[in-house]
PDB file of N, CA and C in Angstrom:
ATOM      1  N   UNK A   1      65.280  60.436 -25.371  1.00  0.00           N
ATOM      2  CA  UNK A   1      66.656  60.077 -25.647  1.00  0.00           C
ATOM      3  C   UNK A   1      67.238  61.029 -26.680  1.00  0.00           C
ATOM      4  N   UNK A   2      68.491  61.341 -26.521  1.00  0.00           N
ATOM      5  CA  UNK A   2      69.163  62.213 -27.475  1.00  0.00           C
ATOM      6  C   UNK A   2      69.493  61.437 -28.746  1.00  0.00           C
ATOM      7  N   UNK A   3      69.418  62.137 -29.863  1.00  0.00           N
ATOM      8  CA  UNK A   3      69.719  61.511 -31.147  1.00  0.00           C
ATOM      9  C   UNK A   3      71.226  61.474 -31.378  1.00  0.00           C
ATOM     10  N   UNK A   4      71.681  60.427 -32.036  1.00  0.00           N
ATOM     11  CA  UNK A   4      73.071  60.255 -32.494  1.00  0.00           C
ATOM     12  C   UNK A   4      74.109  60.139 -31.376  1.00  0.00           C
ATOM     13  N   UNK A   5      73.727  59.705 -30.183  1.00  0.00           N
ATOM     14  CA  UNK A   5      74.723  59.473 -29.134  1.00  0.00           C
ATOM     15  C   UNK A   5      74.826  58.004 -28.752  1.00  0.00           C
ATOM     16  N   UNK A   6      73.884  57.198 -29.194  1.00  0.00           N
ATOM     17  CA  UNK A   6      73.872  55.784 -28.831  1.00  0.00           C
ATOM     18  C   UNK A   6      74.638  54.961 -29.861  1.00  0.00           C
ATOM     19  N   UNK A   7      75.372  53.918 -29.425  1.00  0.00           N
ATOM     20  CA  UNK A   7      76.107  53.084 -30.379  1.00  0.00           C
ATOM     21  C   UNK A   7      75.147  52.235 -31.200  1.00  0.00           C
ATOM     22  N   UNK A   8      75.620  51.802 -32.340  1.00  0.00           N
ATOM     23  CA  UNK A   8      74.813  50.934 -33.200  1.00  0.00           C
ATOM     24  C   UNK A   8      74.669  49.571 -32.540  1.00  0.00           C
ATOM     25  N   UNK A   9      73.469  48.994 -32.604  1.00  0.00           N
ATOM     26  CA  UNK A   9      73.194  47.698 -31.988  1.00  0.00           C
ATOM     27  C   UNK A   9      73.129  46.638 -33.074  1.00  0.00           C
ATOM     28  N   UNK A  10      73.950  45.604 -32.940  1.00  0.00           N
ATOM     29  CA  UNK A  10      73.975  44.496 -33.890  1.00  0.00           C
ATOM     30  C   UNK A  10      73.181  43.340 -33.301  1.00  0.00           C
ATOM     31  N   UNK A  11      72.112  42.941 -33.979  1.00  0.00           N
ATOM     32  CA  UNK A  11      71.283  41.846 -33.467  1.00  0.00           C
ATOM     33  C   UNK A  11      71.893  40.482 -33.746  1.00  0.00           C
ATOM     34  N   UNK A  12      72.809  40.400 -34.706  1.00  0.00           N
ATOM     35  CA  UNK A  12      73.447  39.129 -35.053  1.00  0.00           C
ATOM     36  C   UNK A  12      74.943  39.190 -34.790  1.00  0.00           C
ATOM     37  N   UNK A  13      75.337  39.623 -33.616  1.00  0.00           N
ATOM     38  CA  UNK A  13      76.758  39.687 -33.256  1.00  0.00           C
ATOM     39  C   UNK A  13      77.269  38.281 -32.959  1.00  0.00           C
ATOM     40  N   UNK A  14      78.427  37.949 -33.484  1.00  0.00           N
ATOM     41  CA  UNK A  14      79.010  36.622 -33.310  1.00  0.00           C
ATOM     42  C   UNK A  14      79.996  36.664 -32.150  1.00  0.00           C
ATOM     43  N   UNK A  15      79.833  35.730 -31.208  1.00  0.00           N
ATOM     44  CA  UNK A  15      80.739  35.599 -30.073  1.00  0.00           C
ATOM     45  C   UNK A  15      81.621  34.386 -30.335  1.00  0.00           C
ATOM     46  N   UNK A  16      82.941  34.584 -30.278  1.00  0.00           N
ATOM     47  CA  UNK A  16      83.900  33.512 -30.531  1.00  0.00           C
ATOM     48  C   UNK A  16      84.699  33.286 -29.251  1.00  0.00           C
ATOM     49  N   UNK A  17      84.682  32.052 -28.749  1.00  0.00           N
ATOM     50  CA  UNK A  17      85.418  31.696 -27.537  1.00  0.00           C
ATOM     51  C   UNK A  17      86.775  31.129 -27.922  1.00  0.00           C
ATOM     52  N   UNK A  18      87.718  31.173 -26.991  1.00  0.00           N
ATOM     53  CA  UNK A  18      89.049  30.634 -27.250  1.00  0.00           C
ATOM     54  C   UNK A  18      89.033  29.112 -27.404  1.00  0.00           C
ATOM     55  N   UNK A  19      87.966  28.454 -26.917  1.00  0.00           N
ATOM     56  CA  UNK A  19      87.861  27.001 -27.070  1.00  0.00           C
ATOM     57  C   UNK A  19      87.341  26.608 -28.452  1.00  0.00           C
ATOM     58  N   UNK A  20      86.880  27.599 -29.232  1.00  0.00           N
ATOM     59  CA  UNK A  20      86.382  27.320 -30.572  1.00  0.00           C
ATOM     60  C   UNK A  20      84.875  27.401 -30.683  1.00  0.00           C
ATOM     61  N   UNK A  21      84.182  27.501 -29.587  1.00  0.00           N
ATOM     62  CA  UNK A  21      82.725  27.594 -29.603  1.00  0.00           C
ATOM     63  C   UNK A  21      82.300  28.972 -30.106  1.00  0.00           C
ATOM     64  N   UNK A  22      81.264  29.019 -30.943  1.00  0.00           N
ATOM     65  CA  UNK A  22      80.718  30.288 -31.422  1.00  0.00           C
ATOM     66  C   UNK A  22      79.213  30.281 -31.231  1.00  0.00           C
ATOM     67  N   UNK A  23      78.652  31.456 -30.966  1.00  0.00           N
ATOM     68  CA  UNK A  23      77.218  31.618 -30.901  1.00  0.00           C
ATOM     69  C   UNK A  23      76.857  33.047 -31.258  1.00  0.00           C
ATOM     70  N   UNK A  24      75.570  33.290 -31.517  1.00  0.00           N
ATOM     71  CA  UNK A  24      75.088  34.588 -31.967  1.00  0.00           C
ATOM     72  C   UNK A  24      74.269  35.225 -30.859  1.00  0.00           C
ATOM     73  N   UNK A  25      74.480  36.524 -30.651  1.00  0.00           N
ATOM     74  CA  UNK A  25      73.747  37.273 -29.641  1.00  0.00           C
ATOM     75  C   UNK A  25      73.631  38.721 -30.104  1.00  0.00           C
ATOM     76  N   UNK A  26      73.038  39.559 -29.316  1.00  0.00           N
ATOM     77  CA  UNK A  26      72.958  40.975 -29.617  1.00  0.00           C
ATOM     78  C   UNK A  26      74.023  41.739 -28.853  1.00  0.00           C
ATOM     79  N   UNK A  27      74.677  42.706 -29.519  1.00  0.00           N
ATOM     80  CA  UNK A  27      75.738  43.472 -28.874  1.00  0.00           C
ATOM     81  C   UNK A  27      75.962  44.771 -29.632  1.00  0.00           C
ATOM     82  N   UNK A  28      76.820  45.607 -29.094  1.00  0.00           N
ATOM     83  CA  UNK A  28      77.153  46.862 -29.745  1.00  0.00           C
ATOM     84  C   UNK A  28      78.375  46.738 -30.641  1.00  0.00           C
ATOM     85  N   UNK A  29      78.936  45.534 -30.759  1.00  0.00           N
ATOM     86  CA  UNK A  29      80.047  45.262 -31.660  1.00  0.00           C
ATOM     87  C   UNK A  29      79.671  44.078 -32.539  1.00  0.00           C
ATOM     88  N   UNK A  30      80.114  44.034 -33.792  1.00  0.00           N
ATOM     89  CA  UNK A  30      79.715  42.930 -34.677  1.00  0.00           C
ATOM     90  C   UNK A  30      80.327  41.589 -34.289  1.00  0.00           C
ATOM     91  N   UNK A  31      81.532  41.580 -33.712  1.00  0.00           N
ATOM     92  CA  UNK A  31      82.157  40.330 -33.248  1.00  0.00           C
ATOM     93  C   UNK A  31      82.750  40.555 -31.868  1.00  0.00           C
ATOM     94  N   UNK A  32      82.630  39.532 -31.035  1.00  0.00           N
ATOM     95  CA  UNK A  32      83.180  39.568 -29.687  1.00  0.00           C
ATOM     96  C   UNK A  32      84.057  38.344 -29.488  1.00  0.00           C
ATOM     97  N   UNK A  33      85.202  38.515 -28.859  1.00  0.00           N
ATOM     98  CA  UNK A  33      86.093  37.402 -28.546  1.00  0.00           C
ATOM     99  C   UNK A  33      86.179  37.277 -27.035  1.00  0.00           C
ATOM    100  N   UNK A  34      85.901  36.068 -26.530  1.00  0.00           N
ATOM    101  CA  UNK A  34      85.932  35.820 -25.095  1.00  0.00           C
ATOM    102  C   UNK A  34      86.876  34.662 -24.810  1.00  0.00           C
ATOM    103  N   UNK A  35      87.359  34.602 -23.574  1.00  0.00           N
ATOM    104  CA  UNK A  35      88.276  33.523 -23.179  1.00  0.00           C
ATOM    105  C   UNK A  35      87.532  32.309 -22.643  1.00  0.00           C
ATOM    106  N   UNK A  36      86.390  32.525 -21.999  1.00  0.00           N
ATOM    107  CA  UNK A  36      85.649  31.441 -21.355  1.00  0.00           C
ATOM    108  C   UNK A  36      84.180  31.562 -21.735  1.00  0.00           C
ATOM    109  N   UNK A  37      83.560  30.435 -22.057  1.00  0.00           N
ATOM    110  CA  UNK A  37      82.129  30.411 -22.359  1.00  0.00           C
ATOM    111  C   UNK A  37      81.482  29.267 -21.573  1.00  0.00           C
ATOM    112  N   UNK A  38      80.203  29.063 -21.779  1.00  0.00           N
ATOM    113  CA  UNK A  38      79.501  28.017 -21.031  1.00  0.00           C
ATOM    114  C   UNK A  38      79.922  26.610 -21.459  1.00  0.00           C
ATOM    115  N   UNK A  39      80.561  26.455 -22.599  1.00  0.00           N
ATOM    116  CA  UNK A  39      81.029  25.138 -23.053  1.00  0.00           C
ATOM    117  C   UNK A  39      82.354  24.739 -22.409  1.00  0.00           C
ATOM    118  N   UNK A  40      83.147  25.730 -21.966  1.00  0.00           N
ATOM    119  CA  UNK A  40      84.462  25.390 -21.424  1.00  0.00           C
ATOM    120  C   UNK A  40      84.661  25.865 -19.981  1.00  0.00           C
ATOM    121  N   UNK A  41      83.711  26.563 -19.401  1.00  0.00           N
ATOM    122  CA  UNK A  41      83.856  27.034 -18.022  1.00  0.00           C
ATOM    123  C   UNK A  41      83.680  25.866 -17.058  1.00  0.00           C
ATOM    124  N   UNK A  42      84.548  25.730 -16.041  1.00  0.00           N
ATOM    125  CA  UNK A  42      84.464  24.596 -15.117  1.00  0.00           C
ATOM    126  C   UNK A  42      83.127  24.489 -14.391  1.00  0.00           C
ATOM    127  N   UNK A  43      82.456  25.579 -14.114  1.00  0.00           N
ATOM    128  CA  UNK A  43      81.167  25.512 -13.425  1.00  0.00           C
ATOM    129  C   UNK A  43      80.129  24.792 -14.272  1.00  0.00           C
ATOM    130  N   UNK A  44      80.123  25.040 -15.579  1.00  0.00           N
ATOM    131  CA  UNK A  44      79.132  24.433 -16.460  1.00  0.00           C
ATOM    132  C   UNK A  44      79.538  23.052 -16.942  1.00  0.00           C
ATOM    133  N   UNK A  45      80.852  22.762 -17.011  1.00  0.00           N
ATOM    134  CA  UNK A  45      81.299  21.463 -17.507  1.00  0.00           C
ATOM    135  C   UNK A  45      81.368  20.411 -16.418  1.00  0.00           C
ATOM    136  N   UNK A  46      81.387  20.825 -15.154  1.00  0.00           N
ATOM    137  CA  UNK A  46      81.464  19.873 -14.060  1.00  0.00           C
ATOM    138  C   UNK A  46      82.877  19.556 -13.639  1.00  0.00           C
ATOM    139  N   UNK A  47      83.871  20.066 -14.353  1.00  0.00           N
ATOM    140  CA  UNK A  47      85.261  19.849 -13.976  1.00  0.00           C
ATOM    141  C   UNK A  47      85.630  20.850 -12.893  1.00  0.00           C
ATOM    142  N   UNK A  48      86.342  20.371 -11.908  1.00  0.00           N
ATOM    143  CA  UNK A  48      86.800  21.264 -10.866  1.00  0.00           C
ATOM    144  C   UNK A  48      88.289  21.069 -10.701  1.00  0.00           C
ATOM    145  N   UNK A  49      89.024  22.138 -10.839  1.00  0.00           N
ATOM    146  CA  UNK A  49      90.470  22.075 -10.720  1.00  0.00           C
ATOM    147  C   UNK A  49      90.884  22.904  -9.515  1.00  0.00           C
ATOM    148  N   UNK A  50      91.746  22.330  -8.709  1.00  0.00           N
ATOM    149  CA  UNK A  50      92.301  23.066  -7.583  1.00  0.00           C
ATOM    150  C   UNK A  50      93.728  23.417  -7.943  1.00  0.00           C
ATOM    151  N   UNK A  51      93.994  24.681  -8.074  1.00  0.00           N
ATOM    152  CA  UNK A  51      95.342  25.127  -8.366  1.00  0.00           C
ATOM    153  C   UNK A  51      96.081  25.239  -7.041  1.00  0.00           C
ATOM    154  N   UNK A  52      97.057  24.362  -6.864  1.00  0.00           N
ATOM    155  CA  UNK A  52      97.778  24.296  -5.599  1.00  0.00           C
ATOM    156  C   UNK A  52      99.162  24.891  -5.782  1.00  0.00           C
ATOM    157  N   UNK A  53      99.412  25.969  -5.082  1.00  0.00           N
ATOM    158  CA  UNK A  53     100.737  26.565  -5.119  1.00  0.00           C
ATOM    159  C   UNK A  53     101.375  26.407  -3.757  1.00  0.00           C
ATOM    160  N   UNK A  54     102.537  25.797  -3.740  1.00  0.00           N
ATOM    161  CA  UNK A  54     103.342  25.618  -2.534  1.00  0.00           C
ATOM    162  C   UNK A  54     102.657  24.774  -1.464  1.00  0.00           C
ATOM    163  N   UNK A  55     101.823  23.813  -1.848  1.00  0.00           N
ATOM    164  CA  UNK A  55     101.236  22.887  -0.888  1.00  0.00           C
ATOM    165  C   UNK A  55     100.210  23.485   0.051  1.00  0.00           C
ATOM    166  N   UNK A  56      99.540  24.536  -0.340  1.00  0.00           N
ATOM    167  CA  UNK A  56      98.580  25.192   0.544  1.00  0.00           C
ATOM    168  C   UNK A  56      97.381  24.307   0.850  1.00  0.00           C
ATOM    169  N   UNK A  57      96.933  23.551  -0.146  1.00  0.00           N
ATOM    170  CA  UNK A  57      95.782  22.680   0.070  1.00  0.00           C
ATOM    171  C   UNK A  57      96.141  21.573   1.060  1.00  0.00           C
ATOM    172  N   UNK A  58      97.311  20.957   0.878  1.00  0.00           N
ATOM    173  CA  UNK A  58      97.729  19.893   1.796  1.00  0.00           C
ATOM    174  C   UNK A  58      97.912  20.425   3.211  1.00  0.00           C
ATOM    175  N   UNK A  59      98.473  21.606   3.344  1.00  0.00           N
ATOM    176  CA  UNK A  59      98.660  22.206   4.662  1.00  0.00           C
ATOM    177  C   UNK A  59      97.311  22.457   5.343  1.00  0.00           C
ATOM    178  N   UNK A  60      96.326  22.941   4.591  1.00  0.00           N
ATOM    179  CA  UNK A  60      95.001  23.174   5.159  1.00  0.00           C
ATOM    180  C   UNK A  60      94.345  21.846   5.562  1.00  0.00           C
ATOM    181  N   UNK A  61      94.513  20.825   4.728  1.00  0.00           N
ATOM    182  CA  UNK A  61      93.924  19.521   5.052  1.00  0.00           C
ATOM    183  C   UNK A  61      94.565  18.915   6.297  1.00  0.00           C
ATOM    184  N   UNK A  62      95.884  19.038   6.455  1.00  0.00           N
ATOM    185  CA  UNK A  62      96.540  18.545   7.655  1.00  0.00           C
ATOM    186  C   UNK A  62      96.076  19.306   8.886  1.00  0.00           C
ATOM    187  N   UNK A  63      95.934  20.607   8.761  1.00  0.00           N
ATOM    188  CA  UNK A  63      95.562  21.450   9.893  1.00  0.00           C
ATOM    189  C   UNK A  63      94.156  21.115  10.391  1.00  0.00           C
ATOM    190  N   UNK A  64      93.238  20.854   9.486  1.00  0.00           N
ATOM    191  CA  UNK A  64      91.855  20.621   9.877  1.00  0.00           C
ATOM    192  C   UNK A  64      91.453  19.152   9.846  1.00  0.00           C
ATOM    193  N   UNK A  65      92.396  18.259   9.591  1.00  0.00           N
ATOM    194  CA  UNK A  65      92.134  16.832   9.637  1.00  0.00           C
ATOM    195  C   UNK A  65      91.248  16.326   8.511  1.00  0.00           C
ATOM    196  N   UNK A  66      91.297  16.973   7.361  1.00  0.00           N
ATOM    197  CA  UNK A  66      90.492  16.545   6.209  1.00  0.00           C
ATOM    198  C   UNK A  66      91.289  15.578   5.377  1.00  0.00           C
ATOM    199  N   UNK A  67      90.592  14.707   4.665  1.00  0.00           N
ATOM    200  CA  UNK A  67      91.267  13.723   3.812  1.00  0.00           C
ATOM    201  C   UNK A  67      91.266  14.132   2.395  1.00  0.00           C
TER     202      UNK A  67
END
């Protein structure tokens, strides 16, 4: 490996989520800001939201006979 070309590695980098959750990990930056983490992501929380624009979900349900 070449000397002096690699970024500094921080073993105690703090990750801050927009929901307020924080945790420590390793990264090339001392602090990281993220919008979604495992505490607020719908896949991990069990919440499922269907964003319906212009009745597309209802139209699909009518077309295929789903309730």
